[in-house]
Amino acid sequence: AADMLASDAYTADVREDENQSSKLGISG
């Protein structure tokens, strides 16, 4: 877990969730 966190791994996954929420109109 520490090694993963020291990298930029899963950044795209977080952004994809956030992009999807934006498309769905989720603001809260």
mmCIF file of all heavy atoms, coordinates in Angstrom:
data_MODEL
# 
_entry.id   MODEL 
# 
loop_
_atom_site.group_PDB 
_atom_site.id 
_atom_site.type_symbol 
_atom_site.label_atom_id 
_atom_site.label_alt_id 
_atom_site.label_comp_id 
_atom_site.label_asym_id 
_atom_site.label_entity_id 
_atom_site.label_seq_id 
_atom_site.pdbx_PDB_ins_code 
_atom_site.Cartn_x 
_atom_site.Cartn_y 
_atom_site.Cartn_z 
_atom_site.occupancy 
_atom_site.B_iso_or_equiv 
_atom_site.pdbx_formal_charge 
_atom_site.auth_seq_id 
_atom_site.auth_comp_id 
_atom_site.auth_asym_id 
_atom_site.auth_atom_id 
_atom_site.pdbx_PDB_model_num 
ATOM 1   N N   . ALA A 1 1  ? 0.832   -1.200 0.000   1.00 0.00 ? 1  ALA A N   1 
ATOM 2   C CA  . ALA A 1 1  ? 0.000   0.000  0.000   1.00 0.00 ? 1  ALA A CA  1 
ATOM 3   C C   . ALA A 1 1  ? 0.867   1.250  0.000   1.00 0.00 ? 1  ALA A C   1 
ATOM 4   O O   . ALA A 1 1  ? 0.591   2.219  -0.729  1.00 0.00 ? 1  ALA A O   1 
ATOM 5   C CB  . ALA A 1 1  ? -0.920  0.005  1.223   1.00 0.00 ? 1  ALA A CB  1 
ATOM 6   N N   . ALA A 1 2  ? 1.929   1.240  0.801   1.00 0.00 ? 2  ALA A N   1 
ATOM 7   C CA  . ALA A 1 2  ? 2.843   2.389  0.864   1.00 0.00 ? 2  ALA A CA  1 
ATOM 8   C C   . ALA A 1 2  ? 3.514   2.625  -0.484  1.00 0.00 ? 2  ALA A C   1 
ATOM 9   O O   . ALA A 1 2  ? 3.660   3.774  -0.929  1.00 0.00 ? 2  ALA A O   1 
ATOM 10  C CB  . ALA A 1 2  ? 3.887   2.160  1.954   1.00 0.00 ? 2  ALA A CB  1 
ATOM 11  N N   . ASP A 1 3  ? 3.922   1.532  -1.130  1.00 0.00 ? 3  ASP A N   1 
ATOM 12  C CA  . ASP A 1 3  ? 4.564   1.655  -2.446  1.00 0.00 ? 3  ASP A CA  1 
ATOM 13  C C   . ASP A 1 3  ? 3.602   2.236  -3.466  1.00 0.00 ? 3  ASP A C   1 
ATOM 14  O O   . ASP A 1 3  ? 3.977   3.075  -4.295  1.00 0.00 ? 3  ASP A O   1 
ATOM 15  C CB  . ASP A 1 3  ? 5.064   0.282  -2.910  1.00 0.00 ? 3  ASP A CB  1 
ATOM 16  C CG  . ASP A 1 3  ? 6.239   -0.231 -2.094  1.00 0.00 ? 3  ASP A CG  1 
ATOM 17  O OD1 . ASP A 1 3  ? 6.878   0.584  -1.391  1.00 0.00 ? 3  ASP A OD1 1 
ATOM 18  O OD2 . ASP A 1 3  ? 6.516   -1.444 -2.143  1.00 0.00 ? 3  ASP A OD2 1 
ATOM 19  N N   . MET A 1 4  ? 2.358   1.785  -3.417  1.00 0.00 ? 4  MET A N   1 
ATOM 20  C CA  . MET A 1 4  ? 1.361   2.308  -4.343  1.00 0.00 ? 4  MET A CA  1 
ATOM 21  C C   . MET A 1 4  ? 1.140   3.796  -4.110  1.00 0.00 ? 4  MET A C   1 
ATOM 22  O O   . MET A 1 4  ? 1.097   4.587  -5.055  1.00 0.00 ? 4  MET A O   1 
ATOM 23  C CB  . MET A 1 4  ? 0.042   1.540  -4.173  1.00 0.00 ? 4  MET A CB  1 
ATOM 24  C CG  . MET A 1 4  ? -1.054  1.941  -5.148  1.00 0.00 ? 4  MET A CG  1 
ATOM 25  S SD  . MET A 1 4  ? -1.967  3.461  -4.721  1.00 0.00 ? 4  MET A SD  1 
ATOM 26  C CE  . MET A 1 4  ? -2.775  2.955  -3.197  1.00 0.00 ? 4  MET A CE  1 
ATOM 27  N N   . LEU A 1 5  ? 1.006   4.178  -2.857  1.00 0.00 ? 5  LEU A N   1 
ATOM 28  C CA  . LEU A 1 5  ? 0.726   5.573  -2.526  1.00 0.00 ? 5  LEU A CA  1 
ATOM 29  C C   . LEU A 1 5  ? 1.883   6.494  -2.907  1.00 0.00 ? 5  LEU A C   1 
ATOM 30  O O   . LEU A 1 5  ? 1.675   7.681  -3.181  1.00 0.00 ? 5  LEU A O   1 
ATOM 31  C CB  . LEU A 1 5  ? 0.433   5.698  -1.024  1.00 0.00 ? 5  LEU A CB  1 
ATOM 32  C CG  . LEU A 1 5  ? -0.913  5.095  -0.584  1.00 0.00 ? 5  LEU A CG  1 
ATOM 33  C CD1 . LEU A 1 5  ? -0.950  4.945  0.936   1.00 0.00 ? 5  LEU A CD1 1 
ATOM 34  C CD2 . LEU A 1 5  ? -2.067  5.955  -1.062  1.00 0.00 ? 5  LEU A CD2 1 
ATOM 35  N N   . ALA A 1 6  ? 3.082   5.956  -2.938  1.00 0.00 ? 6  ALA A N   1 
ATOM 36  C CA  . ALA A 1 6  ? 4.257   6.754  -3.322  1.00 0.00 ? 6  ALA A CA  1 
ATOM 37  C C   . ALA A 1 6  ? 4.293   7.015  -4.821  1.00 0.00 ? 6  ALA A C   1 
ATOM 38  O O   . ALA A 1 6  ? 5.044   7.867  -5.297  1.00 0.00 ? 6  ALA A O   1 
ATOM 39  C CB  . ALA A 1 6  ? 5.542   6.053  -2.876  1.00 0.00 ? 6  ALA A CB  1 
ATOM 40  N N   . SER A 1 7  ? 3.471   6.294  -5.557  1.00 0.00 ? 7  SER A N   1 
ATOM 41  C CA  . SER A 1 7  ? 3.383   6.477  -7.010  1.00 0.00 ? 7  SER A CA  1 
ATOM 42  C C   . SER A 1 7  ? 2.142   7.297  -7.334  1.00 0.00 ? 7  SER A C   1 
ATOM 43  O O   . SER A 1 7  ? 1.485   7.831  -6.440  1.00 0.00 ? 7  SER A O   1 
ATOM 44  C CB  . SER A 1 7  ? 3.309   5.112  -7.702  1.00 0.00 ? 7  SER A CB  1 
ATOM 45  O OG  . SER A 1 7  ? 2.030   4.517  -7.473  1.00 0.00 ? 7  SER A OG  1 
ATOM 46  N N   . ASP A 1 8  ? 1.823   7.373  -8.622  1.00 0.00 ? 8  ASP A N   1 
ATOM 47  C CA  . ASP A 1 8  ? 0.580   8.050  -9.008  1.00 0.00 ? 8  ASP A CA  1 
ATOM 48  C C   . ASP A 1 8  ? -0.487  7.049  -9.450  1.00 0.00 ? 8  ASP A C   1 
ATOM 49  O O   . ASP A 1 8  ? -1.443  7.394  -10.136 1.00 0.00 ? 8  ASP A O   1 
ATOM 50  C CB  . ASP A 1 8  ? 0.842   9.069  -10.118 1.00 0.00 ? 8  ASP A CB  1 
ATOM 51  C CG  . ASP A 1 8  ? 1.337   8.411  -11.416 1.00 0.00 ? 8  ASP A CG  1 
ATOM 52  O OD1 . ASP A 1 8  ? 1.583   7.183  -11.413 1.00 0.00 ? 8  ASP A OD1 1 
ATOM 53  O OD2 . ASP A 1 8  ? 1.480   9.127  -12.421 1.00 0.00 ? 8  ASP A OD2 1 
ATOM 54  N N   . ALA A 1 9  ? -0.317  5.794  -9.030  1.00 0.00 ? 9  ALA A N   1 
ATOM 55  C CA  . ALA A 1 9  ? -1.254  4.738  -9.408  1.00 0.00 ? 9  ALA A CA  1 
ATOM 56  C C   . ALA A 1 9  ? -2.672  5.068  -8.950  1.00 0.00 ? 9  ALA A C   1 
ATOM 57  O O   . ALA A 1 9  ? -2.875  5.656  -7.889  1.00 0.00 ? 9  ALA A O   1 
ATOM 58  C CB  . ALA A 1 9  ? -0.811  3.404  -8.808  1.00 0.00 ? 9  ALA A CB  1 
ATOM 59  N N   . TYR A 1 10 ? -3.625  4.694  -9.764  1.00 0.00 ? 10 TYR A N   1 
ATOM 60  C CA  . TYR A 1 10 ? -5.060  4.840  -9.506  1.00 0.00 ? 10 TYR A CA  1 
ATOM 61  C C   . TYR A 1 10 ? -5.547  6.286  -9.538  1.00 0.00 ? 10 TYR A C   1 
ATOM 62  O O   . TYR A 1 10 ? -6.699  6.551  -9.217  1.00 0.00 ? 10 TYR A O   1 
ATOM 63  C CB  . TYR A 1 10 ? -5.453  4.160  -8.182  1.00 0.00 ? 10 TYR A CB  1 
ATOM 64  C CG  . TYR A 1 10 ? -5.178  2.678  -8.219  1.00 0.00 ? 10 TYR A CG  1 
ATOM 65  C CD1 . TYR A 1 10 ? -3.996  2.164  -7.678  1.00 0.00 ? 10 TYR A CD1 1 
ATOM 66  C CD2 . TYR A 1 10 ? -6.063  1.794  -8.830  1.00 0.00 ? 10 TYR A CD2 1 
ATOM 67  C CE1 . TYR A 1 10 ? -3.702  0.813  -7.736  1.00 0.00 ? 10 TYR A CE1 1 
ATOM 68  C CE2 . TYR A 1 10 ? -5.788  0.432  -8.884  1.00 0.00 ? 10 TYR A CE2 1 
ATOM 69  C CZ  . TYR A 1 10 ? -4.599  -0.048 -8.338  1.00 0.00 ? 10 TYR A CZ  1 
ATOM 70  O OH  . TYR A 1 10 ? -4.315  -1.392 -8.405  1.00 0.00 ? 10 TYR A OH  1 
ATOM 71  N N   . THR A 1 11 ? -4.672  7.183  -9.975  1.00 0.00 ? 11 THR A N   1 
ATOM 72  C CA  . THR A 1 11 ? -5.119  8.562  -10.170 1.00 0.00 ? 11 THR A CA  1 
ATOM 73  C C   . THR A 1 11 ? -6.219  8.616  -11.231 1.00 0.00 ? 11 THR A C   1 
ATOM 74  O O   . THR A 1 11 ? -7.253  9.280  -11.057 1.00 0.00 ? 11 THR A O   1 
ATOM 75  C CB  . THR A 1 11 ? -3.948  9.456  -10.590 1.00 0.00 ? 11 THR A CB  1 
ATOM 76  O OG1 . THR A 1 11 ? -3.029  9.580  -9.497  1.00 0.00 ? 11 THR A OG1 1 
ATOM 77  C CG2 . THR A 1 11 ? -4.417  10.838 -11.001 1.00 0.00 ? 11 THR A CG2 1 
ATOM 78  N N   . ALA A 1 12 ? -5.998  7.902  -12.323 1.00 0.00 ? 12 ALA A N   1 
ATOM 79  C CA  . ALA A 1 12 ? -6.979  7.895  -13.416 1.00 0.00 ? 12 ALA A CA  1 
ATOM 80  C C   . ALA A 1 12 ? -8.311  7.299  -12.965 1.00 0.00 ? 12 ALA A C   1 
ATOM 81  O O   . ALA A 1 12 ? -9.378  7.732  -13.423 1.00 0.00 ? 12 ALA A O   1 
ATOM 82  C CB  . ALA A 1 12 ? -6.433  7.118  -14.606 1.00 0.00 ? 12 ALA A CB  1 
ATOM 83  N N   . ASP A 1 13 ? -8.260  6.321  -12.058 1.00 0.00 ? 13 ASP A N   1 
ATOM 84  C CA  . ASP A 1 13 ? -9.494  5.690  -11.575 1.00 0.00 ? 13 ASP A CA  1 
ATOM 85  C C   . ASP A 1 13 ? -10.328 6.668  -10.748 1.00 0.00 ? 13 ASP A C   1 
ATOM 86  O O   . ASP A 1 13 ? -11.557 6.707  -10.872 1.00 0.00 ? 13 ASP A O   1 
ATOM 87  C CB  . ASP A 1 13 ? -9.146  4.457  -10.734 1.00 0.00 ? 13 ASP A CB  1 
ATOM 88  C CG  . ASP A 1 13 ? -8.393  3.416  -11.538 1.00 0.00 ? 13 ASP A CG  1 
ATOM 89  O OD1 . ASP A 1 13 ? -7.162  3.547  -11.665 1.00 0.00 ? 13 ASP A OD1 1 
ATOM 90  O OD2 . ASP A 1 13 ? -9.031  2.476  -12.042 1.00 0.00 ? 13 ASP A OD2 1 
ATOM 91  N N   . VAL A 1 14 ? -9.645  7.423  -9.897  1.00 0.00 ? 14 VAL A N   1 
ATOM 92  C CA  . VAL A 1 14 ? -10.352 8.427  -9.105  1.00 0.00 ? 14 VAL A CA  1 
ATOM 93  C C   . VAL A 1 14 ? -10.964 9.470  -10.024 1.00 0.00 ? 14 VAL A C   1 
ATOM 94  O O   . VAL A 1 14 ? -12.131 9.863  -9.879  1.00 0.00 ? 14 VAL A O   1 
ATOM 95  C CB  . VAL A 1 14 ? -9.409  9.099  -8.092  1.00 0.00 ? 14 VAL A CB  1 
ATOM 96  C CG1 . VAL A 1 14 ? -10.132 10.238 -7.357  1.00 0.00 ? 14 VAL A CG1 1 
ATOM 97  C CG2 . VAL A 1 14 ? -8.886  8.076  -7.083  1.00 0.00 ? 14 VAL A CG2 1 
ATOM 98  N N   . ARG A 1 15 ? -10.171 9.931  -10.996 1.00 0.00 ? 15 ARG A N   1 
ATOM 99  C CA  . ARG A 1 15 ? -10.667 10.945 -11.925 1.00 0.00 ? 15 ARG A CA  1 
ATOM 100 C C   . ARG A 1 15 ? -11.845 10.429 -12.756 1.00 0.00 ? 15 ARG A C   1 
ATOM 101 O O   . ARG A 1 15 ? -12.772 11.184 -13.073 1.00 0.00 ? 15 ARG A O   1 
ATOM 102 C CB  . ARG A 1 15 ? -9.536  11.414 -12.846 1.00 0.00 ? 15 ARG A CB  1 
ATOM 103 C CG  . ARG A 1 15 ? -8.388  12.093 -12.130 1.00 0.00 ? 15 ARG A CG  1 
ATOM 104 C CD  . ARG A 1 15 ? -8.861  13.268 -11.319 1.00 0.00 ? 15 ARG A CD  1 
ATOM 105 N NE  . ARG A 1 15 ? -7.768  13.958 -10.652 1.00 0.00 ? 15 ARG A NE  1 
ATOM 106 C CZ  . ARG A 1 15 ? -7.866  14.499 -9.449  1.00 0.00 ? 15 ARG A CZ  1 
ATOM 107 N NH1 . ARG A 1 15 ? -9.012  14.439 -8.779  1.00 0.00 ? 15 ARG A NH1 1 
ATOM 108 N NH2 . ARG A 1 15 ? -6.833  15.123 -8.907  1.00 0.00 ? 15 ARG A NH2 1 
ATOM 109 N N   . GLU A 1 16 ? -11.822 9.157  -13.102 1.00 0.00 ? 16 GLU A N   1 
ATOM 110 C CA  . GLU A 1 16 ? -12.922 8.586  -13.875 1.00 0.00 ? 16 GLU A CA  1 
ATOM 111 C C   . GLU A 1 16 ? -14.210 8.591  -13.058 1.00 0.00 ? 16 GLU A C   1 
ATOM 112 O O   . GLU A 1 16 ? -15.291 8.914  -13.577 1.00 0.00 ? 16 GLU A O   1 
ATOM 113 C CB  . GLU A 1 16 ? -12.586 7.159  -14.304 1.00 0.00 ? 16 GLU A CB  1 
ATOM 114 C CG  . GLU A 1 16 ? -13.721 6.421  -15.024 1.00 0.00 ? 16 GLU A CG  1 
ATOM 115 C CD  . GLU A 1 16 ? -14.216 7.152  -16.270 1.00 0.00 ? 16 GLU A CD  1 
ATOM 116 O OE1 . GLU A 1 16 ? -13.431 7.879  -16.917 1.00 0.00 ? 16 GLU A OE1 1 
ATOM 117 O OE2 . GLU A 1 16 ? -15.419 6.997  -16.594 1.00 0.00 ? 16 GLU A OE2 1 
ATOM 118 N N   . ASP A 1 17 ? -14.118 8.239  -11.774 1.00 0.00 ? 17 ASP A N   1 
ATOM 119 C CA  . ASP A 1 17 ? -15.298 8.310  -10.907 1.00 0.00 ? 17 ASP A CA  1 
ATOM 120 C C   . ASP A 1 17 ? -15.832 9.733  -10.854 1.00 0.00 ? 17 ASP A C   1 
ATOM 121 O O   . ASP A 1 17 ? -17.048 9.966  -10.916 1.00 0.00 ? 17 ASP A O   1 
ATOM 122 C CB  . ASP A 1 17 ? -14.935 7.865  -9.478  1.00 0.00 ? 17 ASP A CB  1 
ATOM 123 C CG  . ASP A 1 17 ? -14.932 6.351  -9.322  1.00 0.00 ? 17 ASP A CG  1 
ATOM 124 O OD1 . ASP A 1 17 ? -15.254 5.646  -10.296 1.00 0.00 ? 17 ASP A OD1 1 
ATOM 125 O OD2 . ASP A 1 17 ? -14.614 5.883  -8.224  1.00 0.00 ? 17 ASP A OD2 1 
ATOM 126 N N   . GLU A 1 18 ? -14.924 10.688 -10.717 1.00 0.00 ? 18 GLU A N   1 
ATOM 127 C CA  . GLU A 1 18 ? -15.334 12.087 -10.617 1.00 0.00 ? 18 GLU A CA  1 
ATOM 128 C C   . GLU A 1 18 ? -15.918 12.602 -11.930 1.00 0.00 ? 18 GLU A C   1 
ATOM 129 O O   . GLU A 1 18 ? -16.893 13.368 -11.926 1.00 0.00 ? 18 GLU A O   1 
ATOM 130 C CB  . GLU A 1 18 ? -14.147 12.928 -10.160 1.00 0.00 ? 18 GLU A CB  1 
ATOM 131 C CG  . GLU A 1 18 ? -13.718 12.590 -8.730  1.00 0.00 ? 18 GLU A CG  1 
ATOM 132 C CD  . GLU A 1 18 ? -12.473 13.313 -8.274  1.00 0.00 ? 18 GLU A CD  1 
ATOM 133 O OE1 . GLU A 1 18 ? -11.679 13.760 -9.141  1.00 0.00 ? 18 GLU A OE1 1 
ATOM 134 O OE2 . GLU A 1 18 ? -12.286 13.449 -7.056  1.00 0.00 ? 18 GLU A OE2 1 
ATOM 135 N N   . ASN A 1 19 ? -15.345 12.177 -13.037 1.00 0.00 ? 19 ASN A N   1 
ATOM 136 C CA  . ASN A 1 19 ? -15.889 12.563 -14.344 1.00 0.00 ? 19 ASN A CA  1 
ATOM 137 C C   . ASN A 1 19 ? -17.282 11.981 -14.542 1.00 0.00 ? 19 ASN A C   1 
ATOM 138 O O   . ASN A 1 19 ? -18.183 12.647 -15.082 1.00 0.00 ? 19 ASN A O   1 
ATOM 139 C CB  . ASN A 1 19 ? -14.962 12.090 -15.467 1.00 0.00 ? 19 ASN A CB  1 
ATOM 140 C CG  . ASN A 1 19 ? -13.674 12.876 -15.528 1.00 0.00 ? 19 ASN A CG  1 
ATOM 141 O OD1 . ASN A 1 19 ? -13.597 14.005 -15.052 1.00 0.00 ? 19 ASN A OD1 1 
ATOM 142 N ND2 . ASN A 1 19 ? -12.642 12.281 -16.119 1.00 0.00 ? 19 ASN A ND2 1 
ATOM 143 N N   . GLN A 1 20 ? -17.454 10.752 -14.091 1.00 0.00 ? 20 GLN A N   1 
ATOM 144 C CA  . GLN A 1 20 ? -18.759 10.116 -14.228 1.00 0.00 ? 20 GLN A CA  1 
ATOM 145 C C   . GLN A 1 20 ? -19.802 10.842 -13.372 1.00 0.00 ? 20 GLN A C   1 
ATOM 146 O O   . GLN A 1 20 ? -20.942 11.035 -13.803 1.00 0.00 ? 20 GLN A O   1 
ATOM 147 C CB  . GLN A 1 20 ? -18.677 8.643  -13.814 1.00 0.00 ? 20 GLN A CB  1 
ATOM 148 C CG  . GLN A 1 20 ? -19.928 7.847  -14.161 1.00 0.00 ? 20 GLN A CG  1 
ATOM 149 C CD  . GLN A 1 20 ? -19.779 6.364  -13.855 1.00 0.00 ? 20 GLN A CD  1 
ATOM 150 O OE1 . GLN A 1 20 ? -18.710 5.898  -13.465 1.00 0.00 ? 20 GLN A OE1 1 
ATOM 151 N NE2 . GLN A 1 20 ? -20.847 5.618  -14.010 1.00 0.00 ? 20 GLN A NE2 1 
ATOM 152 N N   . SER A 1 21 ? -19.398 11.245 -12.176 1.00 0.00 ? 21 SER A N   1 
ATOM 153 C CA  . SER A 1 21 ? -20.341 11.964 -11.317 1.00 0.00 ? 21 SER A CA  1 
ATOM 154 C C   . SER A 1 21 ? -20.742 13.285 -11.959 1.00 0.00 ? 21 SER A C   1 
ATOM 155 O O   . SER A 1 21 ? -21.894 13.712 -11.864 1.00 0.00 ? 21 SER A O   1 
ATOM 156 C CB  . SER A 1 21 ? -19.732 12.215 -9.932  1.00 0.00 ? 21 SER A CB  1 
ATOM 157 O OG  . SER A 1 21 ? -18.710 13.190 -9.972  1.00 0.00 ? 21 SER A OG  1 
ATOM 158 N N   . SER A 1 22 ? -19.796 13.932 -12.625 1.00 0.00 ? 22 SER A N   1 
ATOM 159 C CA  . SER A 1 22 ? -20.085 15.187 -13.308 1.00 0.00 ? 22 SER A CA  1 
ATOM 160 C C   . SER A 1 22 ? -21.089 14.974 -14.440 1.00 0.00 ? 22 SER A C   1 
ATOM 161 O O   . SER A 1 22 ? -22.028 15.757 -14.627 1.00 0.00 ? 22 SER A O   1 
ATOM 162 C CB  . SER A 1 22 ? -18.793 15.804 -13.852 1.00 0.00 ? 22 SER A CB  1 
ATOM 163 O OG  . SER A 1 22 ? -19.044 17.018 -14.508 1.00 0.00 ? 22 SER A OG  1 
ATOM 164 N N   . LYS A 1 23 ? -20.911 13.910 -15.199 1.00 0.00 ? 23 LYS A N   1 
ATOM 165 C CA  . LYS A 1 23 ? -21.823 13.599 -16.298 1.00 0.00 ? 23 LYS A CA  1 
ATOM 166 C C   . LYS A 1 23 ? -23.232 13.305 -15.789 1.00 0.00 ? 23 LYS A C   1 
ATOM 167 O O   . LYS A 1 23 ? -24.227 13.582 -16.475 1.00 0.00 ? 23 LYS A O   1 
ATOM 168 C CB  . LYS A 1 23 ? -21.295 12.410 -17.094 1.00 0.00 ? 23 LYS A CB  1 
ATOM 169 C CG  . LYS A 1 23 ? -20.030 12.703 -17.894 1.00 0.00 ? 23 LYS A CG  1 
ATOM 170 C CD  . LYS A 1 23 ? -19.521 11.455 -18.589 1.00 0.00 ? 23 LYS A CD  1 
ATOM 171 C CE  . LYS A 1 23 ? -18.227 11.742 -19.351 1.00 0.00 ? 23 LYS A CE  1 
ATOM 172 N NZ  . LYS A 1 23 ? -17.676 10.516 -19.992 1.00 0.00 ? 23 LYS A NZ  1 
ATOM 173 N N   . LEU A 1 24 ? -23.301 12.731 -14.585 1.00 0.00 ? 24 LEU A N   1 
ATOM 174 C CA  . LEU A 1 24 ? -24.597 12.406 -14.000 1.00 0.00 ? 24 LEU A CA  1 
ATOM 175 C C   . LEU A 1 24 ? -25.233 13.605 -13.307 1.00 0.00 ? 24 LEU A C   1 
ATOM 176 O O   . LEU A 1 24 ? -26.376 13.526 -12.848 1.00 0.00 ? 24 LEU A O   1 
ATOM 177 C CB  . LEU A 1 24 ? -24.439 11.254 -12.993 1.00 0.00 ? 24 LEU A CB  1 
ATOM 178 C CG  . LEU A 1 24 ? -24.110 9.883  -13.578 1.00 0.00 ? 24 LEU A CG  1 
ATOM 179 C CD1 . LEU A 1 24 ? -23.746 8.904  -12.471 1.00 0.00 ? 24 LEU A CD1 1 
ATOM 180 C CD2 . LEU A 1 24 ? -25.281 9.354  -14.398 1.00 0.00 ? 24 LEU A CD2 1 
ATOM 181 N N   . GLY A 1 25 ? -24.479 14.696 -13.226 1.00 0.00 ? 25 GLY A N   1 
ATOM 182 C CA  . GLY A 1 25 ? -25.011 15.894 -12.597 1.00 0.00 ? 25 GLY A CA  1 
ATOM 183 C C   . GLY A 1 25 ? -24.958 15.882 -11.082 1.00 0.00 ? 25 GLY A C   1 
ATOM 184 O O   . GLY A 1 25 ? -25.705 16.607 -10.421 1.00 0.00 ? 25 GLY A O   1 
ATOM 185 N N   . ILE A 1 26 ? -24.068 15.063 -10.533 1.00 0.00 ? 26 ILE A N   1 
ATOM 186 C CA  . ILE A 1 26 ? -23.946 14.973 -9.079  1.00 0.00 ? 26 ILE A CA  1 
ATOM 187 C C   . ILE A 1 26 ? -23.103 16.138 -8.573  1.00 0.00 ? 26 ILE A C   1 
ATOM 188 O O   . ILE A 1 26 ? -21.956 16.296 -8.962  1.00 0.00 ? 26 ILE A O   1 
ATOM 189 C CB  . ILE A 1 26 ? -23.294 13.633 -8.671  1.00 0.00 ? 26 ILE A CB  1 
ATOM 190 C CG1 . ILE A 1 26 ? -24.157 12.465 -9.138  1.00 0.00 ? 26 ILE A CG1 1 
ATOM 191 C CG2 . ILE A 1 26 ? -23.089 13.576 -7.158  1.00 0.00 ? 26 ILE A CG2 1 
ATOM 192 C CD1 . ILE A 1 26 ? -23.500 11.103 -8.961  1.00 0.00 ? 26 ILE A CD1 1 
ATOM 193 N N   . SER A 1 27 ? -23.680 16.941 -7.698  1.00 0.00 ? 27 SER A N   1 
ATOM 194 C CA  . SER A 1 27 ? -22.950 18.094 -7.160  1.00 0.00 ? 27 SER A CA  1 
ATOM 195 C C   . SER A 1 27 ? -22.770 18.012 -5.654  1.00 0.00 ? 27 SER A C   1 
ATOM 196 O O   . SER A 1 27 ? -22.095 18.853 -5.060  1.00 0.00 ? 27 SER A O   1 
ATOM 197 C CB  . SER A 1 27 ? -23.684 19.394 -7.513  1.00 0.00 ? 27 SER A CB  1 
ATOM 198 O OG  . SER A 1 27 ? -24.999 19.382 -7.000  1.00 0.00 ? 27 SER A OG  1 
ATOM 199 N N   . GLY A 1 28 ? -23.389 17.020 -5.036  1.00 0.00 ? 28 GLY A N   1 
ATOM 200 C CA  . GLY A 1 28 ? -23.266 16.839 -3.595  1.00 0.00 ? 28 GLY A CA  1 
ATOM 201 C C   . GLY A 1 28 ? -23.324 15.375 -3.240  1.00 0.00 ? 28 GLY A C   1 
ATOM 202 O O   . GLY A 1 28 ? -23.861 14.556 -4.003  1.00 0.00 ? 28 GLY A O   1 
# 
